[in-house]
C-alpha cells in the first residue's frame, strides 16, 4: 500500500460523506470548540486505541485533524487494526474551510 492511498482530498471526502462515510475528528476538545464539521464523530487522537469498538468496520472512515498530520497517523493506525476503509483527509479542517465550507472559523 502506498502512502498516497491513505490520503483523500477534501472534495473527494465531501462526496464520500454524502454516500455514508463516517467523519472521524481526532482533534482536541479546544480545537473542536473553535471549528467543527457537523455530524463528525469526535474522538481525540490519544483516545483512539481505547475507543476502537465505537468505529464501524463495514464503512469508510474519513479521519480529520487541523492540517492532516495527526489524522494521517491515526489512519495508519486504523489500517493496521483492520479498518481497511480508513482514509486521511489531506489538509484537515483548514483545507475543508478553504475549499468546501468557508464559514468554518480558522484557528
N, C-alpha and C. Protein backbone atom coordinates (compact mmCIF):
# COMPACT_ATOMS: atom_id res chain seq x y z
N UNK A 1 0.86 -1.18 0.00
CA UNK A 1 0.00 0.00 0.00
C UNK A 1 0.90 1.23 0.00
N UNK A 2 0.61 2.17 -0.87
CA UNK A 2 1.37 3.41 -0.90
C UNK A 2 0.79 4.40 0.09
N UNK A 3 1.63 5.32 0.54
CA UNK A 3 1.16 6.34 1.48
C UNK A 3 0.06 7.19 0.83
N UNK A 4 0.18 7.44 -0.47
CA UNK A 4 -0.82 8.25 -1.17
C UNK A 4 -2.21 7.64 -1.08
N UNK A 5 -2.29 6.33 -1.01
CA UNK A 5 -3.61 5.70 -0.95
C UNK A 5 -4.32 5.97 0.37
N UNK A 6 -3.58 6.43 1.36
CA UNK A 6 -4.20 6.77 2.64
C UNK A 6 -4.94 8.10 2.55
N UNK A 7 -4.45 9.00 1.71
CA UNK A 7 -4.96 10.36 1.68
C UNK A 7 -6.08 10.56 0.68
N UNK A 8 -6.99 11.45 1.06
CA UNK A 8 -8.14 11.80 0.23
C UNK A 8 -8.25 13.32 0.27
N UNK A 9 -8.43 13.96 -0.87
CA UNK A 9 -8.59 15.41 -0.83
C UNK A 9 -9.98 15.77 -0.32
N UNK A 10 -10.15 17.03 0.07
CA UNK A 10 -11.40 17.42 0.73
C UNK A 10 -12.61 17.30 -0.19
N UNK A 11 -12.44 17.53 -1.49
CA UNK A 11 -13.58 17.39 -2.41
C UNK A 11 -14.05 15.94 -2.46
N UNK A 12 -13.11 15.01 -2.54
CA UNK A 12 -13.48 13.59 -2.55
C UNK A 12 -14.06 13.18 -1.20
N UNK A 13 -13.53 13.75 -0.13
CA UNK A 13 -14.06 13.43 1.21
C UNK A 13 -15.50 13.92 1.35
N UNK A 14 -15.77 15.13 0.88
CA UNK A 14 -17.13 15.67 0.96
C UNK A 14 -18.10 14.78 0.18
N UNK A 15 -17.68 14.31 -0.97
CA UNK A 15 -18.53 13.42 -1.77
C UNK A 15 -18.75 12.09 -1.04
N UNK A 16 -17.70 11.55 -0.42
CA UNK A 16 -17.82 10.28 0.30
C UNK A 16 -18.76 10.40 1.50
N UNK A 17 -18.76 11.55 2.15
CA UNK A 17 -19.66 11.75 3.29
C UNK A 17 -21.12 11.69 2.85
N UNK A 18 -21.39 12.14 1.65
CA UNK A 18 -22.77 12.11 1.12
C UNK A 18 -23.23 10.69 0.82
N UNK A 19 -22.29 9.76 0.71
CA UNK A 19 -22.67 8.38 0.40
C UNK A 19 -22.47 7.45 1.59
N UNK A 20 -22.37 8.02 2.81
CA UNK A 20 -22.38 7.18 4.00
C UNK A 20 -21.08 7.00 4.75
N UNK A 21 -20.01 7.65 4.33
CA UNK A 21 -18.76 7.54 5.08
C UNK A 21 -18.92 8.22 6.44
N UNK A 22 -18.15 7.76 7.42
CA UNK A 22 -18.13 8.35 8.75
C UNK A 22 -16.99 9.36 8.81
N UNK A 23 -17.26 10.55 9.31
CA UNK A 23 -16.23 11.56 9.54
C UNK A 23 -15.77 11.43 10.98
N UNK A 24 -14.48 11.13 11.17
CA UNK A 24 -13.89 10.96 12.49
C UNK A 24 -12.93 12.12 12.74
N UNK A 25 -13.28 12.98 13.68
CA UNK A 25 -12.47 14.15 14.03
C UNK A 25 -11.60 13.78 15.23
N UNK A 26 -10.28 13.80 15.04
CA UNK A 26 -9.36 13.37 16.09
C UNK A 26 -8.67 14.54 16.80
N UNK A 27 -9.20 15.74 16.63
CA UNK A 27 -8.62 16.92 17.28
C UNK A 27 -9.00 16.96 18.76
N UNK A 28 -8.33 17.84 19.47
CA UNK A 28 -8.58 18.03 20.90
C UNK A 28 -9.89 18.82 21.10
N UNK A 29 -10.51 18.69 22.28
CA UNK A 29 -11.77 19.41 22.52
C UNK A 29 -11.70 20.92 22.31
N UNK A 30 -10.58 21.56 22.67
CA UNK A 30 -10.49 23.00 22.47
C UNK A 30 -10.48 23.35 20.98
N UNK A 31 -9.95 22.46 20.14
CA UNK A 31 -9.96 22.69 18.69
C UNK A 31 -11.38 22.53 18.14
N UNK A 32 -12.07 21.53 18.65
CA UNK A 32 -13.45 21.30 18.24
C UNK A 32 -14.32 22.50 18.59
N UNK A 33 -14.04 23.12 19.75
CA UNK A 33 -14.80 24.31 20.16
C UNK A 33 -14.54 25.48 19.22
N UNK A 34 -13.36 25.53 18.62
CA UNK A 34 -13.00 26.62 17.71
C UNK A 34 -13.61 26.44 16.33
N UNK A 35 -13.67 25.20 15.85
CA UNK A 35 -14.15 24.93 14.49
C UNK A 35 -14.55 23.47 14.40
N UNK A 36 -15.71 23.22 13.79
CA UNK A 36 -16.17 21.84 13.69
C UNK A 36 -16.97 21.63 12.41
N UNK A 37 -17.06 20.38 12.02
CA UNK A 37 -17.92 19.98 10.91
C UNK A 37 -19.05 19.18 11.53
N UNK A 38 -20.26 19.64 11.34
CA UNK A 38 -21.43 18.98 11.94
C UNK A 38 -21.51 17.52 11.48
N UNK A 39 -21.89 16.68 12.41
CA UNK A 39 -22.08 15.27 12.11
C UNK A 39 -20.86 14.41 12.33
N UNK A 40 -19.72 15.02 12.64
CA UNK A 40 -18.50 14.25 12.85
C UNK A 40 -18.54 13.54 14.20
N UNK A 41 -17.95 12.37 14.25
CA UNK A 41 -17.71 11.67 15.50
C UNK A 41 -16.39 12.19 16.04
N UNK A 42 -16.41 12.71 17.27
CA UNK A 42 -15.19 13.26 17.86
C UNK A 42 -14.57 12.28 18.84
N UNK A 43 -13.36 11.84 18.51
CA UNK A 43 -12.56 11.02 19.42
C UNK A 43 -11.15 11.57 19.34
N UNK A 44 -10.66 12.24 20.39
CA UNK A 44 -9.30 12.76 20.34
C UNK A 44 -8.29 11.65 20.03
N UNK A 45 -7.24 12.01 19.34
CA UNK A 45 -6.24 11.04 18.89
C UNK A 45 -5.79 10.10 20.01
N UNK A 46 -5.51 10.63 21.16
CA UNK A 46 -4.98 9.81 22.27
C UNK A 46 -5.99 8.77 22.76
N UNK A 47 -7.28 8.96 22.45
CA UNK A 47 -8.31 8.03 22.91
C UNK A 47 -8.66 6.95 21.88
N UNK A 48 -8.12 7.06 20.68
CA UNK A 48 -8.49 6.13 19.61
C UNK A 48 -8.28 4.66 20.00
N UNK A 49 -7.10 4.28 20.53
CA UNK A 49 -6.92 2.85 20.84
C UNK A 49 -8.00 2.28 21.78
N UNK A 50 -8.37 3.03 22.79
CA UNK A 50 -9.35 2.54 23.76
C UNK A 50 -10.78 2.55 23.21
N UNK A 51 -11.00 3.34 22.15
CA UNK A 51 -12.37 3.50 21.67
C UNK A 51 -12.60 2.85 20.30
N UNK A 52 -11.71 1.97 19.89
CA UNK A 52 -11.87 1.28 18.61
C UNK A 52 -13.23 0.61 18.45
N UNK A 53 -13.82 0.02 19.52
CA UNK A 53 -15.12 -0.64 19.35
C UNK A 53 -16.23 0.30 18.88
N UNK A 54 -16.04 1.61 19.04
CA UNK A 54 -17.06 2.57 18.59
C UNK A 54 -17.03 2.79 17.08
N UNK A 55 -15.98 2.31 16.42
CA UNK A 55 -15.82 2.59 14.99
C UNK A 55 -16.36 1.45 14.14
N UNK A 56 -17.03 1.80 13.04
CA UNK A 56 -17.57 0.77 12.15
C UNK A 56 -16.47 0.17 11.27
N UNK A 57 -16.50 -1.12 11.09
CA UNK A 57 -15.52 -1.76 10.20
C UNK A 57 -16.11 -2.00 8.81
N UNK A 58 -17.37 -1.69 8.64
CA UNK A 58 -18.06 -2.00 7.39
C UNK A 58 -18.36 -0.78 6.52
N UNK A 59 -17.78 0.38 6.85
CA UNK A 59 -17.99 1.56 6.02
C UNK A 59 -16.74 2.44 6.07
N UNK A 60 -16.58 3.30 5.10
CA UNK A 60 -15.40 4.17 5.09
C UNK A 60 -15.37 5.09 6.31
N UNK A 61 -14.17 5.28 6.84
CA UNK A 61 -13.92 6.22 7.94
C UNK A 61 -12.97 7.27 7.40
N UNK A 62 -13.39 8.53 7.43
CA UNK A 62 -12.57 9.64 6.96
C UNK A 62 -12.05 10.38 8.17
N UNK A 63 -10.75 10.41 8.36
CA UNK A 63 -10.13 10.94 9.56
C UNK A 63 -9.66 12.37 9.32
N UNK A 64 -10.01 13.24 10.28
CA UNK A 64 -9.77 14.68 10.14
C UNK A 64 -9.05 15.24 11.36
N UNK A 65 -8.09 16.13 11.12
CA UNK A 65 -7.48 16.91 12.19
C UNK A 65 -7.34 18.35 11.69
N UNK A 66 -6.40 19.11 12.22
CA UNK A 66 -6.25 20.51 11.82
C UNK A 66 -5.65 20.64 10.42
N UNK A 67 -4.49 20.02 10.21
CA UNK A 67 -3.81 20.14 8.91
C UNK A 67 -3.59 18.80 8.21
N UNK A 68 -3.82 17.69 8.88
CA UNK A 68 -3.68 16.39 8.25
C UNK A 68 -2.59 15.50 8.80
N UNK A 69 -1.76 16.00 9.69
CA UNK A 69 -0.67 15.19 10.24
C UNK A 69 -1.13 14.15 11.24
N UNK A 70 -1.86 14.59 12.25
CA UNK A 70 -2.37 13.64 13.25
C UNK A 70 -3.33 12.65 12.61
N UNK A 71 -4.20 13.14 11.75
CA UNK A 71 -5.17 12.24 11.12
C UNK A 71 -4.47 11.21 10.23
N UNK A 72 -3.36 11.58 9.63
CA UNK A 72 -2.59 10.62 8.82
C UNK A 72 -2.07 9.48 9.70
N UNK A 73 -1.54 9.85 10.87
CA UNK A 73 -1.04 8.82 11.79
C UNK A 73 -2.18 7.94 12.31
N UNK A 74 -3.31 8.55 12.62
CA UNK A 74 -4.47 7.76 13.07
C UNK A 74 -4.94 6.83 11.96
N UNK A 75 -4.94 7.31 10.74
CA UNK A 75 -5.35 6.48 9.60
C UNK A 75 -4.42 5.28 9.46
N UNK A 76 -3.12 5.50 9.59
CA UNK A 76 -2.17 4.38 9.54
C UNK A 76 -2.47 3.37 10.65
N UNK A 77 -2.73 3.87 11.85
CA UNK A 77 -3.05 3.01 12.98
C UNK A 77 -4.33 2.22 12.71
N UNK A 78 -5.37 2.91 12.24
CA UNK A 78 -6.64 2.23 11.97
C UNK A 78 -6.46 1.14 10.92
N UNK A 79 -5.71 1.43 9.86
CA UNK A 79 -5.46 0.41 8.84
C UNK A 79 -4.77 -0.81 9.45
N UNK A 80 -3.80 -0.55 10.32
CA UNK A 80 -3.07 -1.65 10.97
C UNK A 80 -3.99 -2.48 11.87
N UNK A 81 -5.08 -1.87 12.34
CA UNK A 81 -6.04 -2.56 13.20
C UNK A 81 -7.15 -3.23 12.40
N UNK A 82 -7.06 -3.19 11.07
CA UNK A 82 -8.03 -3.87 10.23
C UNK A 82 -9.12 -2.99 9.64
N UNK A 83 -9.06 -1.69 9.87
CA UNK A 83 -10.04 -0.77 9.29
C UNK A 83 -9.55 -0.38 7.89
N UNK A 84 -9.77 -1.28 6.95
CA UNK A 84 -9.20 -1.13 5.61
C UNK A 84 -9.76 0.04 4.82
N UNK A 85 -10.92 0.55 5.23
CA UNK A 85 -11.53 1.67 4.51
C UNK A 85 -11.23 3.03 5.15
N UNK A 86 -10.29 3.06 6.10
CA UNK A 86 -9.90 4.33 6.72
C UNK A 86 -9.08 5.16 5.75
N UNK A 87 -9.41 6.44 5.66
CA UNK A 87 -8.68 7.38 4.79
C UNK A 87 -8.44 8.68 5.54
N UNK A 88 -7.33 9.30 5.27
CA UNK A 88 -6.96 10.58 5.86
C UNK A 88 -7.46 11.71 4.97
N UNK A 89 -8.06 12.73 5.57
CA UNK A 89 -8.45 13.92 4.81
C UNK A 89 -7.25 14.85 4.77
N UNK A 90 -6.60 14.89 3.61
CA UNK A 90 -5.40 15.70 3.43
C UNK A 90 -5.72 17.18 3.62
N UNK A 91 -4.89 17.85 4.39
CA UNK A 91 -5.09 19.28 4.64
C UNK A 91 -6.00 19.59 5.80
N UNK A 92 -6.70 18.58 6.32
CA UNK A 92 -7.53 18.73 7.51
C UNK A 92 -8.64 19.76 7.38
N UNK A 93 -9.07 20.24 8.55
CA UNK A 93 -10.18 21.19 8.58
C UNK A 93 -9.78 22.52 7.95
N UNK A 94 -8.49 22.80 7.92
CA UNK A 94 -8.01 24.03 7.27
C UNK A 94 -8.33 23.97 5.77
N UNK A 95 -8.02 22.86 5.12
CA UNK A 95 -8.34 22.70 3.70
C UNK A 95 -9.85 22.66 3.48
N UNK A 96 -10.57 22.04 4.41
CA UNK A 96 -12.04 21.98 4.32
C UNK A 96 -12.61 23.40 4.30
N UNK A 97 -12.10 24.24 5.20
CA UNK A 97 -12.57 25.63 5.27
C UNK A 97 -12.20 26.39 3.99
N UNK A 98 -11.04 26.10 3.42
CA UNK A 98 -10.61 26.75 2.18
C UNK A 98 -11.48 26.35 0.99
N UNK A 99 -11.76 25.05 0.87
CA UNK A 99 -12.34 24.54 -0.36
C UNK A 99 -13.81 24.14 -0.29
N UNK A 100 -14.30 23.78 0.89
CA UNK A 100 -15.66 23.24 1.00
C UNK A 100 -16.60 24.20 1.73
N UNK A 101 -16.20 24.67 2.90
CA UNK A 101 -17.09 25.48 3.73
C UNK A 101 -16.34 26.67 4.34
N UNK A 102 -16.32 27.81 3.64
CA UNK A 102 -15.60 28.97 4.15
C UNK A 102 -16.21 29.58 5.42
N UNK A 103 -17.37 29.11 5.86
CA UNK A 103 -17.96 29.63 7.10
C UNK A 103 -17.28 29.02 8.34
N UNK A 104 -16.50 27.98 8.15
CA UNK A 104 -15.80 27.37 9.29
C UNK A 104 -14.67 28.29 9.72
N UNK A 105 -14.65 28.65 11.00
CA UNK A 105 -13.61 29.56 11.51
C UNK A 105 -12.21 28.94 11.42
N UNK A 106 -11.22 29.80 11.26
CA UNK A 106 -9.82 29.37 11.27
C UNK A 106 -9.25 29.58 12.66
N UNK A 107 -8.32 28.78 13.03
CA UNK A 107 -7.64 28.95 14.31
C UNK A 107 -6.19 28.59 14.17
